[in-house]
């Protein structure tokens, strides 16, 4: 029955994917509701001087203010929906035992789903509220979903790099 453990491992690993995705969506939605309720009637709240502020912005485009005209909402909705399905598929086909990749994919999928929910719930756009910068030099305002997508994407690159390094190491060992 050694194979029984191997057969159940992918399901256990996929729980990491789904847990990361669901936790990301829930945290993102809670923080956005709080941000809208708190920041709607203020120009912003300074947390660390000018460097870090809470400021409510509705983004109808995508990352970094990318906008594709009057159909941006539905174009980015479609892209996010496809991304969530592709990421779930990648989770199913990931190498056995790669919990880190499952976490990375779950973070990206959860972040994409969080922003997708905003596109459905409001024509105003995605709720962004984290504002970082100095004076006029500001990073585009972002949210918890954006943090999850960014961190998950970096983790995914690291996971794939590690897989390539292990594969190259195995090939060089078998060639020797």
C-alpha atoms as a PDB file:
ATOM      1  CA  UNK A   1       0.000   0.000   0.000  1.00  0.00           C
ATOM      2  CA  UNK A   2       2.916   2.374  -0.589  1.00  0.00           C
ATOM      3  CA  UNK A   3       1.083   3.737  -3.622  1.00  0.00           C
ATOM      4  CA  UNK A   4      -1.944   4.729  -1.527  1.00  0.00           C
ATOM      5  CA  UNK A   5       0.120   7.438   0.185  1.00  0.00           C
ATOM      6  CA  UNK A   6       1.373   8.634  -3.191  1.00  0.00           C
ATOM      7  CA  UNK A   7      -2.185   8.807  -4.522  1.00  0.00           C
ATOM      8  CA  UNK A   8      -3.431  10.880  -1.593  1.00  0.00           C
ATOM      9  CA  UNK A   9      -0.474  13.304  -1.582  1.00  0.00           C
ATOM     10  CA  UNK A  10      -1.711  15.414  -4.515  1.00  0.00           C
ATOM     11  CA  UNK A  11      -5.031  15.991  -2.739  1.00  0.00           C
ATOM     12  CA  UNK A  12      -3.240  16.989   0.452  1.00  0.00           C
ATOM     13  CA  UNK A  13      -0.971  19.314  -1.500  1.00  0.00           C
ATOM     14  CA  UNK A  14      -3.932  20.835  -3.309  1.00  0.00           C
ATOM     15  CA  UNK A  15      -5.386  21.789   0.058  1.00  0.00           C
ATOM     16  CA  UNK A  16      -2.447  24.206   0.363  1.00  0.00           C
ATOM     17  CA  UNK A  17      -3.479  25.744  -2.973  1.00  0.00           C
ATOM     18  CA  UNK A  18      -7.132  26.088  -1.975  1.00  0.00           C
ATOM     19  CA  UNK A  19      -6.361  27.308   1.558  1.00  0.00           C
ATOM     20  CA  UNK A  20      -4.026  30.020   0.230  1.00  0.00           C
ATOM     21  CA  UNK A  21      -6.576  31.056  -2.398  1.00  0.00           C
ATOM     22  CA  UNK A  22      -9.551  31.183  -0.007  1.00  0.00           C
ATOM     23  CA  UNK A  23      -7.635  32.962   2.782  1.00  0.00           C
ATOM     24  CA  UNK A  24      -6.388  35.525   0.263  1.00  0.00           C
ATOM     25  CA  UNK A  25      -9.908  36.189  -1.076  1.00  0.00           C
ATOM     26  CA  UNK A  26     -11.375  36.514   2.427  1.00  0.00           C
ATOM     27  CA  UNK A  27      -8.623  38.853   3.699  1.00  0.00           C
ATOM     28  CA  UNK A  28      -8.814  40.899   0.518  1.00  0.00           C
ATOM     29  CA  UNK A  29     -12.598  41.279   0.727  1.00  0.00           C
ATOM     30  CA  UNK A  30     -12.559  42.156   4.444  1.00  0.00           C
ATOM     31  CA  UNK A  31      -9.840  44.788   4.008  1.00  0.00           C
ATOM     32  CA  UNK A  32     -11.615  46.314   1.002  1.00  0.00           C
ATOM     33  CA  UNK A  33     -14.919  46.569   2.885  1.00  0.00           C
ATOM     34  CA  UNK A  34     -13.133  48.209   5.821  1.00  0.00           C
ATOM     35  CA  UNK A  35     -11.254  50.548   3.465  1.00  0.00           C
ATOM     36  CA  UNK A  36     -14.443  51.650   1.710  1.00  0.00           C
ATOM     37  CA  UNK A  37     -16.253  52.169   5.007  1.00  0.00           C
ATOM     38  CA  UNK A  38     -13.384  54.117   6.558  1.00  0.00           C
ATOM     39  CA  UNK A  39     -11.787  55.998   3.675  1.00  0.00           C
ATOM     40  CA  UNK A  40     -14.763  56.942   1.508  1.00  0.00           C
ATOM     41  CA  UNK A  41     -15.112  60.433   2.987  1.00  0.00           C
ATOM     42  CA  UNK A  42     -11.452  61.200   3.719  1.00  0.00           C
ATOM     43  CA  UNK A  43      -8.567  62.306   1.506  1.00  0.00           C
ATOM     44  CA  UNK A  44      -6.538  59.554   3.166  1.00  0.00           C
ATOM     45  CA  UNK A  45      -5.039  58.513   6.468  1.00  0.00           C
ATOM     46  CA  UNK A  46      -1.328  58.891   7.109  1.00  0.00           C
ATOM     47  CA  UNK A  47       0.188  55.799   8.719  1.00  0.00           C
ATOM     48  CA  UNK A  48       3.939  56.553   8.412  1.00  0.00           C
ATOM     49  CA  UNK A  49       4.034  60.186   7.355  1.00  0.00           C
ATOM     50  CA  UNK A  50       4.041  60.674   3.610  1.00  0.00           C
ATOM     51  CA  UNK A  51       5.696  57.302   3.027  1.00  0.00           C
ATOM     52  CA  UNK A  52       2.687  55.033   3.747  1.00  0.00           C
ATOM     53  CA  UNK A  53      -0.932  56.143   3.617  1.00  0.00           C
ATOM     54  CA  UNK A  54      -4.379  54.614   3.336  1.00  0.00           C
ATOM     55  CA  UNK A  55      -6.145  56.267   0.402  1.00  0.00           C
ATOM     56  CA  UNK A  56      -9.237  54.927  -1.375  1.00  0.00           C
ATOM     57  CA  UNK A  57      -8.929  54.622  -5.154  1.00  0.00           C
ATOM     58  CA  UNK A  58     -11.140  52.750  -7.608  1.00  0.00           C
ATOM     59  CA  UNK A  59      -9.112  51.224 -10.417  1.00  0.00           C
ATOM     60  CA  UNK A  60     -11.125  50.372 -13.536  1.00  0.00           C
ATOM     61  CA  UNK A  61      -8.022  49.194 -15.344  1.00  0.00           C
ATOM     62  CA  UNK A  62      -5.386  46.683 -14.369  1.00  0.00           C
ATOM     63  CA  UNK A  63      -2.010  46.844 -12.670  1.00  0.00           C
ATOM     64  CA  UNK A  64      -0.208  50.174 -12.927  1.00  0.00           C
ATOM     65  CA  UNK A  65      -3.338  51.877 -14.270  1.00  0.00           C
ATOM     66  CA  UNK A  66      -3.399  49.913 -17.538  1.00  0.00           C
ATOM     67  CA  UNK A  67      -6.716  50.812 -19.181  1.00  0.00           C
ATOM     68  CA  UNK A  68      -8.236  49.394 -22.375  1.00  0.00           C
ATOM     69  CA  UNK A  69     -11.104  51.801 -22.946  1.00  0.00           C
ATOM     70  CA  UNK A  70     -14.795  51.397 -22.156  1.00  0.00           C
ATOM     71  CA  UNK A  71     -14.622  47.582 -22.075  1.00  0.00           C
ATOM     72  CA  UNK A  72     -11.703  47.391 -19.621  1.00  0.00           C
ATOM     73  CA  UNK A  73     -13.891  46.033 -16.841  1.00  0.00           C
ATOM     74  CA  UNK A  74     -15.030  43.049 -18.887  1.00  0.00           C
ATOM     75  CA  UNK A  75     -11.707  42.432 -20.604  1.00  0.00           C
ATOM     76  CA  UNK A  76      -9.869  42.292 -17.256  1.00  0.00           C
ATOM     77  CA  UNK A  77     -12.735  40.273 -15.750  1.00  0.00           C
ATOM     78  CA  UNK A  78     -12.258  37.667 -18.498  1.00  0.00           C
ATOM     79  CA  UNK A  79      -8.470  37.662 -18.139  1.00  0.00           C
ATOM     80  CA  UNK A  80      -8.750  37.154 -14.360  1.00  0.00           C
ATOM     81  CA  UNK A  81     -11.341  34.397 -14.749  1.00  0.00           C
ATOM     82  CA  UNK A  82      -9.158  32.541 -17.247  1.00  0.00           C
ATOM     83  CA  UNK A  83      -6.137  33.036 -14.972  1.00  0.00           C
ATOM     84  CA  UNK A  84      -7.923  31.455 -12.006  1.00  0.00           C
ATOM     85  CA  UNK A  85      -8.798  28.373 -14.087  1.00  0.00           C
ATOM     86  CA  UNK A  86      -5.280  28.111 -15.535  1.00  0.00           C
ATOM     87  CA  UNK A  87      -3.743  28.402 -12.066  1.00  0.00           C
ATOM     88  CA  UNK A  88      -6.074  25.710 -10.687  1.00  0.00           C
ATOM     89  CA  UNK A  89      -5.012  23.462 -13.575  1.00  0.00           C
ATOM     90  CA  UNK A  90      -1.345  24.210 -12.870  1.00  0.00           C
ATOM     91  CA  UNK A  91      -2.000  23.214  -9.256  1.00  0.00           C
ATOM     92  CA  UNK A  92      -3.332  19.828 -10.374  1.00  0.00           C
ATOM     93  CA  UNK A  93      -0.359  19.189 -12.653  1.00  0.00           C
ATOM     94  CA  UNK A  94       2.383  20.471 -10.343  1.00  0.00           C
ATOM     95  CA  UNK A  95       5.137  18.087  -9.277  1.00  0.00           C
ATOM     96  CA  UNK A  96       4.245  15.882  -6.308  1.00  0.00           C
ATOM     97  CA  UNK A  97       5.619  17.191  -3.038  1.00  0.00           C
ATOM     98  CA  UNK A  98       5.998  20.809  -4.171  1.00  0.00           C
ATOM     99  CA  UNK A  99       4.042  22.511  -1.373  1.00  0.00           C
ATOM    100  CA  UNK A 100       5.803  25.802  -2.094  1.00  0.00           C
ATOM    101  CA  UNK A 101       4.475  25.829  -5.665  1.00  0.00           C
ATOM    102  CA  UNK A 102       0.979  25.049  -4.397  1.00  0.00           C
ATOM    103  CA  UNK A 103       1.218  28.024  -2.033  1.00  0.00           C
ATOM    104  CA  UNK A 104       2.498  30.268  -4.826  1.00  0.00           C
ATOM    105  CA  UNK A 105      -0.273  29.233  -7.213  1.00  0.00           C
ATOM    106  CA  UNK A 106      -2.885  29.653  -4.472  1.00  0.00           C
ATOM    107  CA  UNK A 107      -1.713  33.188  -3.697  1.00  0.00           C
ATOM    108  CA  UNK A 108      -1.832  34.234  -7.351  1.00  0.00           C
ATOM    109  CA  UNK A 109      -5.229  32.577  -7.893  1.00  0.00           C
ATOM    110  CA  UNK A 110      -6.654  34.105  -4.703  1.00  0.00           C
ATOM    111  CA  UNK A 111      -5.388  37.569  -5.643  1.00  0.00           C
ATOM    112  CA  UNK A 112      -6.806  37.282  -9.149  1.00  0.00           C
ATOM    113  CA  UNK A 113     -10.134  36.092  -7.718  1.00  0.00           C
ATOM    114  CA  UNK A 114     -10.199  38.935  -5.177  1.00  0.00           C
ATOM    115  CA  UNK A 115      -9.862  41.573  -7.866  1.00  0.00           C
ATOM    116  CA  UNK A 116     -12.287  39.652 -10.087  1.00  0.00           C
ATOM    117  CA  UNK A 117     -14.917  39.860  -7.324  1.00  0.00           C
ATOM    118  CA  UNK A 118     -14.481  43.651  -7.256  1.00  0.00           C
ATOM    119  CA  UNK A 119     -15.094  43.856 -11.003  1.00  0.00           C
ATOM    120  CA  UNK A 120     -18.365  41.975 -10.524  1.00  0.00           C
ATOM    121  CA  UNK A 121     -19.576  43.804  -7.429  1.00  0.00           C
ATOM    122  CA  UNK A 122     -18.959  47.367  -8.608  1.00  0.00           C
ATOM    123  CA  UNK A 123     -18.702  49.227 -11.925  1.00  0.00           C
ATOM    124  CA  UNK A 124     -16.382  51.697 -10.145  1.00  0.00           C
ATOM    125  CA  UNK A 125     -13.565  49.163 -10.368  1.00  0.00           C
ATOM    126  CA  UNK A 126     -11.159  47.376  -8.089  1.00  0.00           C
ATOM    127  CA  UNK A 127     -10.798  48.850  -4.594  1.00  0.00           C
ATOM    128  CA  UNK A 128      -7.204  49.929  -3.958  1.00  0.00           C
ATOM    129  CA  UNK A 129      -6.203  51.608  -0.721  1.00  0.00           C
ATOM    130  CA  UNK A 130      -2.520  51.066   0.111  1.00  0.00           C
ATOM    131  CA  UNK A 131      -0.515  54.115  -0.997  1.00  0.00           C
ATOM    132  CA  UNK A 132       3.295  54.076  -0.749  1.00  0.00           C
ATOM    133  CA  UNK A 133       5.792  56.698  -1.860  1.00  0.00           C
ATOM    134  CA  UNK A 134       7.552  59.928  -1.110  1.00  0.00           C
ATOM    135  CA  UNK A 135       6.000  63.214  -2.199  1.00  0.00           C
ATOM    136  CA  UNK A 136       5.050  63.059  -5.867  1.00  0.00           C
ATOM    137  CA  UNK A 137       7.001  59.787  -6.341  1.00  0.00           C
ATOM    138  CA  UNK A 138       4.310  57.252  -5.524  1.00  0.00           C
ATOM    139  CA  UNK A 139       3.865  53.588  -6.316  1.00  0.00           C
ATOM    140  CA  UNK A 140       0.456  52.830  -7.860  1.00  0.00           C
ATOM    141  CA  UNK A 141      -2.108  52.329  -5.078  1.00  0.00           C
ATOM    142  CA  UNK A 142      -2.705  48.622  -4.410  1.00  0.00           C
ATOM    143  CA  UNK A 143      -4.559  46.135  -2.187  1.00  0.00           C
ATOM    144  CA  UNK A 144      -4.168  42.757  -0.460  1.00  0.00           C
ATOM    145  CA  UNK A 145      -5.002  40.870  -3.679  1.00  0.00           C
ATOM    146  CA  UNK A 146      -2.198  42.705  -5.489  1.00  0.00           C
ATOM    147  CA  UNK A 147       0.250  41.790  -2.713  1.00  0.00           C
ATOM    148  CA  UNK A 148      -0.783  38.131  -2.988  1.00  0.00           C
ATOM    149  CA  UNK A 149      -0.387  38.129  -6.787  1.00  0.00           C
ATOM    150  CA  UNK A 150       3.057  39.739  -6.561  1.00  0.00           C
ATOM    151  CA  UNK A 151       4.357  37.522  -3.755  1.00  0.00           C
ATOM    152  CA  UNK A 152       2.832  34.423  -5.331  1.00  0.00           C
ATOM    153  CA  UNK A 153       4.373  35.216  -8.722  1.00  0.00           C
ATOM    154  CA  UNK A 154       7.810  35.643  -7.152  1.00  0.00           C
ATOM    155  CA  UNK A 155       7.368  32.381  -5.220  1.00  0.00           C
ATOM    156  CA  UNK A 156       6.251  30.625  -8.424  1.00  0.00           C
ATOM    157  CA  UNK A 157       9.390  31.781 -10.252  1.00  0.00           C
ATOM    158  CA  UNK A 158      11.538  30.519  -7.343  1.00  0.00           C
ATOM    159  CA  UNK A 159       9.699  27.175  -7.339  1.00  0.00           C
ATOM    160  CA  UNK A 160      10.190  26.722 -11.084  1.00  0.00           C
ATOM    161  CA  UNK A 161      13.833  27.776 -10.837  1.00  0.00           C
ATOM    162  CA  UNK A 162      14.394  25.203  -8.070  1.00  0.00           C
ATOM    163  CA  UNK A 163      12.736  22.518 -10.208  1.00  0.00           C
ATOM    164  CA  UNK A 164      14.985  23.384 -13.160  1.00  0.00           C
ATOM    165  CA  UNK A 165      18.073  23.351 -10.922  1.00  0.00           C
ATOM    166  CA  UNK A 166      17.131  19.937  -9.503  1.00  0.00           C
ATOM    167  CA  UNK A 167      16.487  18.589 -13.003  1.00  0.00           C
ATOM    168  CA  UNK A 168      19.863  19.868 -14.250  1.00  0.00           C
ATOM    169  CA  UNK A 169      21.588  18.381 -11.212  1.00  0.00           C
ATOM    170  CA  UNK A 170      19.915  15.000 -11.795  1.00  0.00           C
ATOM    171  CA  UNK A 171      20.870  15.046 -15.483  1.00  0.00           C
ATOM    172  CA  UNK A 172      24.499  15.873 -14.745  1.00  0.00           C
ATOM    173  CA  UNK A 173      24.630  13.121 -12.090  1.00  0.00           C
ATOM    174  CA  UNK A 174      23.205  10.541 -14.499  1.00  0.00           C
ATOM    175  CA  UNK A 175      25.605  11.637 -17.258  1.00  0.00           C
ATOM    176  CA  UNK A 176      28.591  11.124 -14.961  1.00  0.00           C
END
